[in-house]
Amino acid sequence: MKDKAQTKFLLTLAIIVLLFLISYMYLYKNWNQKADEITASNQTLEARVNELRGYYEMMPEYKKEIIDKTNYINSQLNQYPSDTKEEDAVYLALRSLDEQIGVAYKAIKVGSRDMVDRIPKKTVVEASVQGLDKDLVMRERTTTYSNITNYAELKRLLACMNDGQEQLAITSISYAINEDKMLEGTVDCTFYMLEGTNKEYVPKQFKDYTLGVPALFGK
């Protein structure tokens, strides 16, 4: 009886120990898994904290860079007028006469405003540049100056057109020698404008011109 009772006791004890070991292994595995998850989470959080700390430490430099780039963008955009009108084309011709360049204009033909490029409003707004909240539209308008001159005065004329304050490019030059041995032909000047900057058009200031010579289309 004693051996049977002892065997039963030992068997019961073994079962208890086995159940304890099973429970311990299950809980240990579960705890290990949770510990691994927490460790991984902590590593992720630590990496994120380090990343944010890096951003914070670089914030003054980032702010300065944003200000510098904003100023650069504004300086580039401010170079272009919001529009170019017929009077701008006439003003350029009159300036050559004011500089006493030997050129006789036969005609001035002002073209239409053609779109060169467009930056949509969504892109402009996302750039977060103060004062810009519309489509930015670059347009060009070509003016053809038909005139008679000579070689020396043509060089002066081109220099005058090229050195002006207007945002323009000399896009075509076509001349031939006429029967009077003068250069007769055309110069195409393309004026550029930028819409969407809320910049107002600034009219040209003309001085007073008397009738007679020199006149724009006079001899």
N, C-alpha and C. Protein backbone atom coordinates (compact mmCIF):
# COMPACT_ATOMS: atom_id res chain seq x y z
N MET A 1 0.83 -1.21 0.00
CA MET A 1 0.00 0.00 0.00
C MET A 1 0.87 1.26 0.00
N LYS A 2 1.95 1.12 0.81
CA LYS A 2 2.83 2.28 0.90
C LYS A 2 3.47 2.57 -0.44
N ASP A 3 3.92 1.51 -1.14
CA ASP A 3 4.54 1.71 -2.44
C ASP A 3 3.55 2.26 -3.44
N LYS A 4 2.33 1.78 -3.34
CA LYS A 4 1.29 2.25 -4.28
C LYS A 4 0.96 3.70 -4.03
N ALA A 5 0.88 4.07 -2.76
CA ALA A 5 0.58 5.46 -2.42
C ALA A 5 1.72 6.37 -2.83
N GLN A 6 2.98 5.85 -2.60
CA GLN A 6 4.16 6.65 -2.97
C GLN A 6 4.23 6.84 -4.47
N THR A 7 3.92 5.76 -5.20
CA THR A 7 3.93 5.85 -6.67
C THR A 7 2.89 6.84 -7.15
N LYS A 8 1.71 6.77 -6.53
CA LYS A 8 0.63 7.70 -6.91
C LYS A 8 1.04 9.12 -6.62
N PHE A 9 1.70 9.32 -5.49
CA PHE A 9 2.14 10.66 -5.11
C PHE A 9 3.18 11.18 -6.09
N LEU A 10 4.14 10.29 -6.41
CA LEU A 10 5.19 10.70 -7.35
C LEU A 10 4.62 10.99 -8.73
N LEU A 11 3.63 10.17 -9.14
CA LEU A 11 3.00 10.40 -10.45
C LEU A 11 2.26 11.71 -10.46
N THR A 12 1.55 11.99 -9.39
CA THR A 12 0.81 13.26 -9.29
C THR A 12 1.78 14.44 -9.30
N LEU A 13 2.88 14.25 -8.55
CA LEU A 13 3.89 15.31 -8.51
C LEU A 13 4.50 15.54 -9.88
N ALA A 14 4.75 14.42 -10.60
CA ALA A 14 5.32 14.53 -11.94
C ALA A 14 4.38 15.26 -12.88
N ILE A 15 3.08 14.92 -12.74
CA ILE A 15 2.08 15.60 -13.60
C ILE A 15 2.04 17.09 -13.29
N ILE A 16 2.10 17.43 -11.99
CA ILE A 16 2.08 18.85 -11.59
C ILE A 16 3.30 19.58 -12.14
N VAL A 17 4.46 18.89 -11.98
CA VAL A 17 5.70 19.50 -12.50
C VAL A 17 5.63 19.69 -14.01
N LEU A 18 5.07 18.64 -14.69
CA LEU A 18 4.95 18.71 -16.14
C LEU A 18 4.03 19.85 -16.56
N LEU A 19 2.88 19.96 -15.86
CA LEU A 19 1.95 21.05 -16.16
C LEU A 19 2.59 22.41 -15.89
N PHE A 20 3.37 22.46 -14.82
CA PHE A 20 4.06 23.71 -14.49
C PHE A 20 5.07 24.08 -15.59
N LEU A 21 5.80 23.03 -16.03
CA LEU A 21 6.78 23.28 -17.08
C LEU A 21 6.12 23.70 -18.38
N ILE A 22 4.99 23.04 -18.71
CA ILE A 22 4.26 23.41 -19.93
C ILE A 22 3.76 24.85 -19.83
N SER A 23 3.17 25.18 -18.66
CA SER A 23 2.66 26.55 -18.46
C SER A 23 3.81 27.55 -18.51
N TYR A 24 4.92 27.18 -17.88
CA TYR A 24 6.06 28.08 -17.84
C TYR A 24 6.62 28.32 -19.24
N MET A 25 6.75 27.23 -20.01
CA MET A 25 7.26 27.35 -21.36
C MET A 25 6.34 28.18 -22.23
N TYR A 26 5.03 27.97 -22.04
CA TYR A 26 4.06 28.73 -22.84
C TYR A 26 4.14 30.21 -22.48
N LEU A 27 4.12 30.47 -21.16
CA LEU A 27 4.18 31.86 -20.72
C LEU A 27 5.53 32.49 -21.09
N TYR A 28 6.60 31.68 -20.94
CA TYR A 28 7.94 32.19 -21.26
C TYR A 28 8.04 32.58 -22.74
N LYS A 29 7.50 31.68 -23.57
CA LYS A 29 7.51 31.96 -25.01
C LYS A 29 6.69 33.21 -25.31
N ASN A 30 5.53 33.32 -24.67
CA ASN A 30 4.66 34.48 -24.89
C ASN A 30 5.34 35.75 -24.42
N TRP A 31 5.98 35.62 -23.21
CA TRP A 31 6.69 36.80 -22.69
C TRP A 31 7.86 37.18 -23.59
N ASN A 32 8.56 36.17 -24.07
CA ASN A 32 9.68 36.44 -24.99
C ASN A 32 9.22 37.15 -26.25
N GLN A 33 8.08 36.68 -26.77
CA GLN A 33 7.54 37.29 -27.98
C GLN A 33 7.17 38.75 -27.73
N LYS A 34 6.50 38.97 -26.58
CA LYS A 34 6.13 40.34 -26.24
C LYS A 34 7.37 41.19 -25.99
N ALA A 35 8.36 40.58 -25.35
CA ALA A 35 9.61 41.32 -25.11
C ALA A 35 10.28 41.70 -26.42
N ASP A 36 10.28 40.74 -27.36
CA ASP A 36 10.86 41.03 -28.68
C ASP A 36 10.10 42.15 -29.37
N GLU A 37 8.76 42.09 -29.25
CA GLU A 37 7.93 43.13 -29.87
C GLU A 37 8.22 44.50 -29.25
N ILE A 38 8.33 44.50 -27.91
CA ILE A 38 8.61 45.77 -27.24
C ILE A 38 9.99 46.28 -27.62
N THR A 39 10.96 45.34 -27.69
CA THR A 39 12.33 45.74 -28.09
C THR A 39 12.35 46.33 -29.49
N ALA A 40 11.64 45.64 -30.41
CA ALA A 40 11.57 46.14 -31.78
C ALA A 40 10.88 47.49 -31.83
N SER A 41 9.78 47.61 -31.04
CA SER A 41 9.06 48.88 -31.00
C SER A 41 9.94 49.98 -30.43
N ASN A 42 10.68 49.64 -29.38
CA ASN A 42 11.59 50.63 -28.78
C ASN A 42 12.68 51.05 -29.76
N GLN A 43 13.16 50.07 -30.52
CA GLN A 43 14.19 50.39 -31.51
C GLN A 43 13.64 51.32 -32.58
N THR A 44 12.38 51.01 -33.01
CA THR A 44 11.74 51.88 -34.00
C THR A 44 11.52 53.28 -33.45
N LEU A 45 11.03 53.33 -32.19
CA LEU A 45 10.79 54.63 -31.57
C LEU A 45 12.09 55.38 -31.36
N GLU A 46 13.13 54.63 -30.98
CA GLU A 46 14.44 55.27 -30.78
C GLU A 46 14.97 55.85 -32.09
N ALA A 47 14.80 55.07 -33.17
CA ALA A 47 15.23 55.56 -34.47
C ALA A 47 14.45 56.80 -34.88
N ARG A 48 13.13 56.78 -34.59
CA ARG A 48 12.28 57.94 -34.93
C ARG A 48 12.66 59.15 -34.09
N VAL A 49 12.93 58.89 -32.78
CA VAL A 49 13.34 59.98 -31.90
C VAL A 49 14.65 60.58 -32.38
N ASN A 50 15.59 59.72 -32.77
CA ASN A 50 16.88 60.22 -33.27
C ASN A 50 16.69 61.02 -34.56
N GLU A 51 15.77 60.53 -35.42
CA GLU A 51 15.49 61.25 -36.66
C GLU A 51 14.90 62.62 -36.38
N LEU A 52 13.92 62.67 -35.45
CA LEU A 52 13.29 63.94 -35.09
C LEU A 52 14.29 64.87 -34.41
N ARG A 53 15.17 64.28 -33.58
CA ARG A 53 16.20 65.08 -32.91
C ARG A 53 17.12 65.71 -33.96
N GLY A 54 17.42 64.91 -35.01
CA GLY A 54 18.26 65.44 -36.08
C GLY A 54 17.59 66.60 -36.80
N TYR A 55 16.27 66.45 -37.08
CA TYR A 55 15.52 67.53 -37.71
C TYR A 55 15.52 68.77 -36.83
N TYR A 56 15.32 68.55 -35.53
CA TYR A 56 15.25 69.68 -34.61
C TYR A 56 16.59 70.42 -34.57
N GLU A 57 17.66 69.66 -34.52
CA GLU A 57 18.99 70.28 -34.46
C GLU A 57 19.31 71.03 -35.75
N MET A 58 18.76 70.55 -36.88
CA MET A 58 19.01 71.20 -38.16
C MET A 58 17.98 72.27 -38.50
N MET A 59 16.98 72.46 -37.62
CA MET A 59 15.89 73.39 -37.91
C MET A 59 16.37 74.80 -38.28
N PRO A 60 17.29 75.41 -37.53
CA PRO A 60 17.75 76.76 -37.91
C PRO A 60 18.32 76.81 -39.33
N GLU A 61 19.09 75.76 -39.68
CA GLU A 61 19.67 75.73 -41.03
C GLU A 61 18.59 75.54 -42.08
N TYR A 62 17.60 74.67 -41.77
CA TYR A 62 16.50 74.45 -42.71
C TYR A 62 15.71 75.75 -42.92
N LYS A 63 15.44 76.46 -41.84
CA LYS A 63 14.68 77.72 -41.94
C LYS A 63 15.43 78.73 -42.80
N LYS A 64 16.74 78.82 -42.57
CA LYS A 64 17.55 79.76 -43.37
C LYS A 64 17.53 79.37 -44.84
N GLU A 65 17.62 78.05 -45.11
CA GLU A 65 17.61 77.58 -46.49
C GLU A 65 16.27 77.88 -47.15
N ILE A 66 15.16 77.71 -46.40
CA ILE A 66 13.84 78.01 -46.94
C ILE A 66 13.73 79.50 -47.27
N ILE A 67 14.22 80.35 -46.36
CA ILE A 67 14.17 81.80 -46.60
C ILE A 67 15.01 82.17 -47.82
N ASP A 68 16.20 81.59 -47.91
CA ASP A 68 17.09 81.89 -49.04
C ASP A 68 16.45 81.46 -50.37
N LYS A 69 15.86 80.26 -50.39
CA LYS A 69 15.25 79.77 -51.62
C LYS A 69 14.01 80.59 -51.97
N THR A 70 13.24 81.00 -50.95
CA THR A 70 12.06 81.84 -51.19
C THR A 70 12.47 83.18 -51.79
N ASN A 71 13.51 83.77 -51.21
CA ASN A 71 14.00 85.05 -51.74
C ASN A 71 14.51 84.90 -53.17
N TYR A 72 15.18 83.77 -53.44
CA TYR A 72 15.69 83.53 -54.79
C TYR A 72 14.53 83.40 -55.79
N ILE A 73 13.50 82.63 -55.40
CA ILE A 73 12.33 82.46 -56.27
C ILE A 73 11.69 83.81 -56.56
N ASN A 74 11.48 84.60 -55.50
CA ASN A 74 10.85 85.91 -55.68
C ASN A 74 11.70 86.83 -56.54
N SER A 75 13.03 86.77 -56.36
CA SER A 75 13.90 87.62 -57.17
C SER A 75 13.84 87.25 -58.65
N GLN A 76 13.70 85.95 -58.93
CA GLN A 76 13.59 85.52 -60.32
C GLN A 76 12.24 85.93 -60.91
N LEU A 77 11.19 85.76 -60.15
CA LEU A 77 9.85 86.09 -60.65
C LEU A 77 9.68 87.59 -60.83
N ASN A 78 10.30 88.37 -59.93
CA ASN A 78 10.13 89.83 -59.99
C ASN A 78 10.80 90.45 -61.21
N GLN A 79 11.64 89.69 -61.89
CA GLN A 79 12.28 90.22 -63.09
C GLN A 79 11.28 90.42 -64.23
N TYR A 80 10.18 89.68 -64.18
CA TYR A 80 9.25 89.70 -65.31
C TYR A 80 8.03 90.57 -65.00
N PRO A 81 7.64 91.39 -65.97
CA PRO A 81 6.42 92.19 -65.79
C PRO A 81 5.18 91.30 -65.88
N SER A 82 4.08 91.81 -65.36
CA SER A 82 2.83 91.04 -65.41
C SER A 82 2.19 91.10 -66.79
N ASP A 83 2.62 92.04 -67.61
CA ASP A 83 2.06 92.16 -68.97
C ASP A 83 3.03 92.96 -69.81
N THR A 84 2.88 92.87 -71.12
CA THR A 84 3.63 93.73 -72.04
C THR A 84 2.65 94.24 -73.08
N LYS A 85 2.58 95.54 -73.21
CA LYS A 85 1.59 96.17 -74.08
C LYS A 85 2.26 96.79 -75.30
N GLU A 86 1.40 97.30 -76.20
CA GLU A 86 1.90 97.91 -77.43
C GLU A 86 2.83 99.08 -77.13
N GLU A 87 2.53 99.79 -76.05
CA GLU A 87 3.34 100.96 -75.72
C GLU A 87 4.77 100.57 -75.34
N ASP A 88 4.95 99.34 -74.83
CA ASP A 88 6.30 98.88 -74.50
C ASP A 88 7.12 98.69 -75.78
N ALA A 89 6.47 98.19 -76.83
CA ALA A 89 7.14 98.02 -78.11
C ALA A 89 7.52 99.38 -78.71
N VAL A 90 6.61 100.33 -78.62
CA VAL A 90 6.88 101.67 -79.14
C VAL A 90 7.99 102.34 -78.32
N TYR A 91 7.94 102.14 -77.01
CA TYR A 91 8.94 102.75 -76.13
C TYR A 91 10.35 102.30 -76.50
N LEU A 92 10.49 101.03 -76.84
CA LEU A 92 11.81 100.50 -77.22
C LEU A 92 12.32 101.17 -78.49
N ALA A 93 11.43 101.40 -79.45
CA ALA A 93 11.84 102.07 -80.69
C ALA A 93 12.22 103.53 -80.43
N LEU A 94 11.43 104.20 -79.59
CA LEU A 94 11.71 105.60 -79.29
C LEU A 94 13.04 105.75 -78.55
N ARG A 95 13.38 104.77 -77.73
CA ARG A 95 14.63 104.85 -77.01
C ARG A 95 15.82 104.85 -77.98
N SER A 96 15.71 104.09 -79.05
CA SER A 96 16.80 104.09 -80.03
C SER A 96 16.95 105.45 -80.69
N LEU A 97 15.83 106.15 -80.88
CA LEU A 97 15.91 107.50 -81.45
C LEU A 97 16.49 108.48 -80.43
N ASP A 98 16.13 108.29 -79.14
CA ASP A 98 16.68 109.15 -78.10
C ASP A 98 18.20 109.00 -78.02
N GLU A 99 18.70 107.81 -78.34
CA GLU A 99 20.15 107.58 -78.32
C GLU A 99 20.79 107.97 -79.66
N GLN A 100 19.98 108.59 -80.51
CA GLN A 100 20.44 109.12 -81.80
C GLN A 100 21.08 108.03 -82.66
N ILE A 101 20.45 106.89 -82.66
CA ILE A 101 20.88 105.79 -83.54
C ILE A 101 20.30 106.03 -84.93
N GLY A 102 21.10 105.89 -85.94
CA GLY A 102 20.66 106.15 -87.31
C GLY A 102 19.80 105.02 -87.85
N VAL A 103 18.52 105.05 -87.54
CA VAL A 103 17.60 104.03 -88.01
C VAL A 103 16.27 104.70 -88.38
N ALA A 104 15.70 104.30 -89.51
CA ALA A 104 14.40 104.82 -89.95
C ALA A 104 13.40 103.67 -89.90
N TYR A 105 12.41 103.80 -89.03
CA TYR A 105 11.42 102.73 -88.89
C TYR A 105 10.35 102.85 -89.97
N LYS A 106 10.04 101.72 -90.59
CA LYS A 106 8.97 101.67 -91.58
C LYS A 106 7.68 101.15 -90.98
N ALA A 107 7.77 100.22 -90.05
CA ALA A 107 6.57 99.66 -89.42
C ALA A 107 6.97 98.94 -88.14
N ILE A 108 6.02 98.86 -87.21
CA ILE A 108 6.19 98.09 -85.97
C ILE A 108 4.97 97.20 -85.84
N LYS A 109 5.20 95.91 -85.85
CA LYS A 109 4.11 94.94 -85.77
C LYS A 109 4.19 94.19 -84.44
N VAL A 110 3.14 94.34 -83.62
CA VAL A 110 3.10 93.71 -82.30
C VAL A 110 2.26 92.44 -82.38
N GLY A 111 2.83 91.31 -81.97
CA GLY A 111 2.14 90.03 -82.04
C GLY A 111 1.24 89.77 -80.84
N SER A 112 0.70 88.57 -80.79
CA SER A 112 -0.20 88.17 -79.70
C SER A 112 0.59 87.62 -78.53
N ARG A 113 -0.09 87.47 -77.40
CA ARG A 113 0.51 86.90 -76.19
C ARG A 113 0.39 85.38 -76.25
N ASP A 114 1.48 84.71 -76.49
CA ASP A 114 1.48 83.25 -76.61
C ASP A 114 2.05 82.62 -75.35
N MET A 115 1.41 81.53 -74.88
CA MET A 115 1.86 80.88 -73.66
C MET A 115 3.14 80.08 -73.92
N VAL A 116 4.11 80.24 -73.04
CA VAL A 116 5.36 79.49 -73.11
C VAL A 116 5.32 78.29 -72.17
N ASP A 117 4.86 78.53 -70.94
CA ASP A 117 4.81 77.46 -69.96
C ASP A 117 3.83 77.85 -68.85
N ARG A 118 3.39 76.83 -68.08
CA ARG A 118 2.45 77.09 -66.99
C ARG A 118 2.76 76.17 -65.82
N ILE A 119 2.77 76.75 -64.62
CA ILE A 119 2.89 75.97 -63.39
C ILE A 119 1.52 75.99 -62.73
N PRO A 120 0.86 74.84 -62.58
CA PRO A 120 -0.51 74.83 -62.04
C PRO A 120 -0.58 75.32 -60.61
N LYS A 121 -1.76 75.79 -60.23
CA LYS A 121 -1.99 76.36 -58.90
C LYS A 121 -1.62 75.37 -57.80
N LYS A 122 -1.96 74.09 -57.98
CA LYS A 122 -1.68 73.08 -56.95
C LYS A 122 -0.20 73.02 -56.62
N THR A 123 0.65 73.03 -57.65
CA THR A 123 2.09 72.99 -57.43
C THR A 123 2.57 74.28 -56.77
N VAL A 124 2.01 75.41 -57.19
CA VAL A 124 2.40 76.69 -56.63
C VAL A 124 2.05 76.75 -55.15
N VAL A 125 0.83 76.32 -54.79
CA VAL A 125 0.39 76.35 -53.39
C VAL A 125 1.24 75.42 -52.53
N GLU A 126 1.58 74.25 -53.05
CA GLU A 126 2.39 73.29 -52.29
C GLU A 126 3.80 73.82 -52.03
N ALA A 127 4.27 74.72 -52.87
CA ALA A 127 5.60 75.31 -52.66
C ALA A 127 5.62 76.26 -51.48
N SER A 128 4.42 76.75 -51.08
CA SER A 128 4.27 77.60 -49.89
C SER A 128 5.14 78.86 -49.94
N VAL A 129 5.18 79.49 -51.10
CA VAL A 129 5.88 80.76 -51.23
C VAL A 129 4.87 81.89 -51.01
N GLN A 130 5.15 82.72 -50.05
CA GLN A 130 4.21 83.77 -49.68
C GLN A 130 3.87 84.67 -50.87
N GLY A 131 2.56 84.90 -51.06
CA GLY A 131 2.09 85.76 -52.13
C GLY A 131 1.79 85.04 -53.42
N LEU A 132 2.11 83.75 -53.50
CA LEU A 132 1.85 82.98 -54.73
C LEU A 132 0.77 81.94 -54.44
N ASP A 133 -0.38 82.12 -55.07
CA ASP A 133 -1.49 81.18 -54.84
C ASP A 133 -2.33 80.98 -56.10
N LYS A 134 -1.74 81.26 -57.27
CA LYS A 134 -2.46 81.11 -58.54
C LYS A 134 -1.58 80.35 -59.53
N ASP A 135 -2.17 80.02 -60.68
CA ASP A 135 -1.36 79.48 -61.78
C ASP A 135 -0.29 80.51 -62.16
N LEU A 136 0.92 80.04 -62.38
CA LEU A 136 1.97 80.91 -62.92
C LEU A 136 2.08 80.63 -64.42
N VAL A 137 1.81 81.65 -65.22
CA VAL A 137 1.77 81.48 -66.68
C VAL A 137 2.80 82.40 -67.32
N MET A 138 3.77 81.80 -67.99
CA MET A 138 4.77 82.57 -68.73
C MET A 138 4.28 82.73 -70.17
N ARG A 139 4.27 83.98 -70.64
CA ARG A 139 3.85 84.27 -72.02
C ARG A 139 4.93 85.07 -72.72
N GLU A 140 4.90 85.00 -74.05
CA GLU A 140 5.82 85.78 -74.86
C GLU A 140 5.03 86.54 -75.92
N ARG A 141 5.56 87.69 -76.31
CA ARG A 141 4.91 88.52 -77.32
C ARG A 141 5.99 89.11 -78.22
N THR A 142 5.96 88.74 -79.48
CA THR A 142 7.02 89.15 -80.40
C THR A 142 6.62 90.40 -81.18
N THR A 143 7.52 91.36 -81.20
CA THR A 143 7.33 92.59 -81.97
C THR A 143 8.35 92.62 -83.11
N THR A 144 7.87 92.91 -84.31
CA THR A 144 8.75 92.98 -85.48
C THR A 144 8.98 94.44 -85.85
N TYR A 145 10.23 94.85 -85.84
CA TYR A 145 10.61 96.22 -86.19
C TYR A 145 11.16 96.23 -87.62
N SER A 146 10.41 96.80 -88.54
CA SER A 146 10.88 96.96 -89.92
C SER A 146 11.57 98.31 -90.04
N ASN A 147 12.79 98.31 -90.57
CA ASN A 147 13.53 99.57 -90.58
C ASN A 147 14.61 99.57 -91.66
N ILE A 148 15.18 100.74 -91.85
CA ILE A 148 16.30 100.93 -92.78
C ILE A 148 17.45 101.55 -91.99
N THR A 149 18.65 101.01 -92.18
CA THR A 149 19.80 101.50 -91.44
C THR A 149 21.07 101.10 -92.19
N ASN A 150 22.21 101.22 -91.54
CA ASN A 150 23.46 100.71 -92.12
C ASN A 150 24.12 99.77 -91.11
N TYR A 151 25.24 99.20 -91.47
CA TYR A 151 25.83 98.16 -90.64
C TYR A 151 26.25 98.69 -89.27
N ALA A 152 26.91 99.83 -89.24
CA ALA A 152 27.38 100.39 -87.96
C ALA A 152 26.21 100.73 -87.05
N GLU A 153 25.16 101.35 -87.63
CA GLU A 153 24.01 101.74 -86.82
C GLU A 153 23.16 100.53 -86.42
N LEU A 154 23.19 99.48 -87.22
CA LEU A 154 22.46 98.26 -86.85
C LEU A 154 23.07 97.65 -85.59
N LYS A 155 24.39 97.66 -85.49
CA LYS A 155 25.04 97.14 -84.29
C LYS A 155 24.64 97.96 -83.07
N ARG A 156 24.56 99.26 -83.24
CA ARG A 156 24.13 100.13 -82.13
C ARG A 156 22.68 99.86 -81.77
N LEU A 157 21.86 99.64 -82.79
CA LEU A 157 20.43 99.36 -82.55
C LEU A 157 20.25 98.07 -81.75
N LEU A 158 20.97 97.03 -82.15
CA LEU A 158 20.86 95.75 -81.45
C LEU A 158 21.35 95.87 -80.02
N ALA A 159 22.42 96.63 -79.80
CA ALA A 159 22.93 96.83 -78.45
C ALA A 159 21.91 97.58 -77.60
N CYS A 160 21.26 98.58 -78.20
CA CYS A 160 20.24 99.34 -77.49
C CYS A 160 19.08 98.45 -77.08
N MET A 161 18.62 97.61 -78.00
CA MET A 161 17.51 96.71 -77.69
C MET A 161 17.89 95.68 -76.64
N ASN A 162 19.12 95.22 -76.71
CA ASN A 162 19.57 94.15 -75.83
C ASN A 162 19.89 94.65 -74.42
N ASP A 163 20.25 95.92 -74.31
CA ASP A 163 20.67 96.47 -73.02
C ASP A 163 19.53 97.11 -72.24
N GLY A 164 18.33 97.05 -72.73
CA GLY A 164 17.20 97.67 -72.07
C GLY A 164 16.78 96.93 -70.81
N GLN A 165 15.89 97.54 -70.05
CA GLN A 165 15.39 96.95 -68.81
C GLN A 165 14.29 95.92 -69.07
N GLU A 166 13.79 95.88 -70.28
CA GLU A 166 12.72 94.94 -70.57
C GLU A 166 13.24 93.51 -70.56
N GLN A 167 12.36 92.57 -70.19
CA GLN A 167 12.68 91.16 -70.30
C GLN A 167 12.36 90.72 -71.73
N LEU A 168 13.36 90.76 -72.58
CA LEU A 168 13.14 90.42 -73.98
C LEU A 168 14.36 89.71 -74.54
N ALA A 169 14.16 89.12 -75.69
CA ALA A 169 15.25 88.48 -76.42
C ALA A 169 15.13 88.85 -77.88
N ILE A 170 16.26 89.11 -78.52
CA ILE A 170 16.27 89.34 -79.97
C ILE A 170 16.24 87.96 -80.62
N THR A 171 15.12 87.63 -81.23
CA THR A 171 14.91 86.26 -81.70
C THR A 171 15.09 86.09 -83.21
N SER A 172 15.15 87.19 -83.96
CA SER A 172 15.34 87.05 -85.40
C SER A 172 15.88 88.36 -85.98
N ILE A 173 16.81 88.24 -86.90
CA ILE A 173 17.36 89.40 -87.61
C ILE A 173 17.42 89.04 -89.09
N SER A 174 16.80 89.89 -89.91
CA SER A 174 16.78 89.60 -91.35
C SER A 174 16.93 90.92 -92.12
N TYR A 175 18.05 91.04 -92.84
CA TYR A 175 18.32 92.27 -93.60
C TYR A 175 18.88 91.94 -94.98
N ALA A 176 18.67 92.89 -95.88
CA ALA A 176 19.25 92.80 -97.22
C ALA A 176 19.62 94.22 -97.67
N ILE A 177 20.54 94.31 -98.61
CA ILE A 177 20.95 95.63 -99.12
C ILE A 177 19.94 96.06 -100.18
N ASN A 178 19.36 97.24 -99.99
CA ASN A 178 18.38 97.73 -100.96
C ASN A 178 19.07 98.50 -102.08
N GLU A 179 18.29 99.09 -102.94
CA GLU A 179 18.85 99.77 -104.12
C GLU A 179 19.59 101.05 -103.75
N ASP A 180 19.36 101.55 -102.54
CA ASP A 180 20.09 102.74 -102.08
C ASP A 180 21.35 102.37 -101.29
N LYS A 181 21.71 101.08 -101.35
CA LYS A 181 22.90 100.58 -100.67
C LYS A 181 22.77 100.65 -99.15
N MET A 182 21.53 100.62 -98.64
CA MET A 182 21.27 100.62 -97.21
C MET A 182 20.77 99.24 -96.79
N LEU A 183 20.92 98.93 -95.52
CA LEU A 183 20.36 97.69 -94.99
C LEU A 183 18.89 97.89 -94.69
N GLU A 184 18.07 97.05 -95.29
CA GLU A 184 16.63 97.15 -95.07
C GLU A 184 16.12 95.76 -94.62
N GLY A 185 15.42 95.75 -93.52
CA GLY A 185 14.94 94.46 -93.04
C GLY A 185 14.21 94.57 -91.72
N THR A 186 14.28 93.51 -90.92
CA THR A 186 13.49 93.44 -89.68
C THR A 186 14.33 92.88 -88.53
N VAL A 187 13.94 93.30 -87.34
CA VAL A 187 14.45 92.72 -86.09
C VAL A 187 13.24 92.27 -85.28
N ASP A 188 13.24 91.02 -84.87
CA ASP A 188 12.17 90.51 -84.00
C ASP A 188 12.65 90.52 -82.56
N CYS A 189 11.90 91.20 -81.71
CA CYS A 189 12.18 91.21 -80.27
C CYS A 189 11.01 90.53 -79.55
N THR A 190 11.33 89.51 -78.78
CA THR A 190 10.29 88.78 -78.05
C THR A 190 10.29 89.24 -76.60
N PHE A 191 9.18 89.84 -76.19
CA PHE A 191 9.00 90.31 -74.82
C PHE A 191 8.38 89.17 -74.00
N TYR A 192 8.80 89.07 -72.73
CA TYR A 192 8.30 88.02 -71.85
C TYR A 192 7.54 88.62 -70.68
N MET A 193 6.50 87.93 -70.25
CA MET A 193 5.68 88.39 -69.12
C MET A 193 5.30 87.18 -68.27
N LEU A 194 4.95 87.45 -67.01
CA LEU A 194 4.58 86.37 -66.10
C LEU A 194 3.29 86.74 -65.39
N GLU A 195 2.26 85.92 -65.59
CA GLU A 195 0.97 86.13 -64.94
C GLU A 195 0.86 85.27 -63.69
N GLY A 196 0.15 85.81 -62.68
CA GLY A 196 -0.12 85.02 -61.48
C GLY A 196 0.69 85.41 -60.26
N THR A 197 1.48 86.49 -60.36
CA THR A 197 2.30 86.91 -59.22
C THR A 197 1.68 88.07 -58.44
N ASN A 198 0.50 88.52 -58.85
CA ASN A 198 -0.17 89.68 -58.24
C ASN A 198 0.63 90.97 -58.42
N LYS A 199 1.56 90.93 -59.35
CA LYS A 199 2.36 92.11 -59.65
C LYS A 199 1.61 92.98 -60.65
N GLU A 200 1.52 94.26 -60.37
CA GLU A 200 0.78 95.17 -61.24
C GLU A 200 1.64 95.60 -62.43
N TYR A 201 0.97 95.84 -63.54
CA TYR A 201 1.67 96.34 -64.73
C TYR A 201 2.10 97.79 -64.48
N VAL A 202 3.35 98.09 -64.84
CA VAL A 202 3.89 99.44 -64.67
C VAL A 202 3.99 100.09 -66.05
N PRO A 203 3.19 101.12 -66.32
CA PRO A 203 3.24 101.77 -67.64
C PRO A 203 4.57 102.48 -67.86
N LYS A 204 4.99 102.53 -69.11
CA LYS A 204 6.20 103.26 -69.45
C LYS A 204 5.97 104.76 -69.33
N GLN A 205 7.01 105.46 -68.92
CA GLN A 205 6.94 106.91 -68.80
C GLN A 205 7.56 107.54 -70.05
N PHE A 206 6.71 108.12 -70.87
CA PHE A 206 7.18 108.75 -72.11
C PHE A 206 7.47 110.23 -71.87
N LYS A 207 8.54 110.71 -72.47
CA LYS A 207 8.77 112.14 -72.42
C LYS A 207 7.96 112.81 -73.53
N ASP A 208 7.92 114.11 -73.50
CA ASP A 208 7.17 114.85 -74.52
C ASP A 208 7.95 114.86 -75.83
N TYR A 209 7.24 114.56 -76.92
CA TYR A 209 7.84 114.60 -78.26
C TYR A 209 7.11 115.64 -79.09
N THR A 210 7.88 116.50 -79.76
CA THR A 210 7.29 117.52 -80.61
C THR A 210 7.08 116.95 -82.02
N LEU A 211 6.15 117.54 -82.74
CA LEU A 211 5.91 117.10 -84.11
C LEU A 211 7.11 117.45 -84.98
N GLY A 212 7.36 116.61 -85.95
CA GLY A 212 8.45 116.88 -86.86
C GLY A 212 9.59 115.89 -86.66
N VAL A 213 10.77 116.32 -87.02
CA VAL A 213 11.93 115.44 -86.98
C VAL A 213 12.67 115.68 -85.64
N PRO A 214 13.13 114.64 -84.92
CA PRO A 214 12.95 113.24 -85.31
C PRO A 214 11.59 112.68 -84.84
N ALA A 215 10.93 112.00 -85.72
CA ALA A 215 9.69 111.32 -85.40
C ALA A 215 9.92 109.84 -85.58
N LEU A 216 9.03 109.02 -85.00
CA LEU A 216 9.23 107.58 -85.03
C LEU A 216 9.30 107.06 -86.47
N PHE A 217 8.38 107.51 -87.31
CA PHE A 217 8.37 107.05 -88.70
C PHE A 217 8.75 108.19 -89.65
N GLY A 218 9.49 109.19 -89.13
CA GLY A 218 9.90 110.30 -89.97
C GLY A 218 11.15 109.96 -90.78
N LYS A 219 11.56 110.88 -91.61
CA LYS A 219 12.75 110.67 -92.44
C LYS A 219 13.95 111.35 -91.80
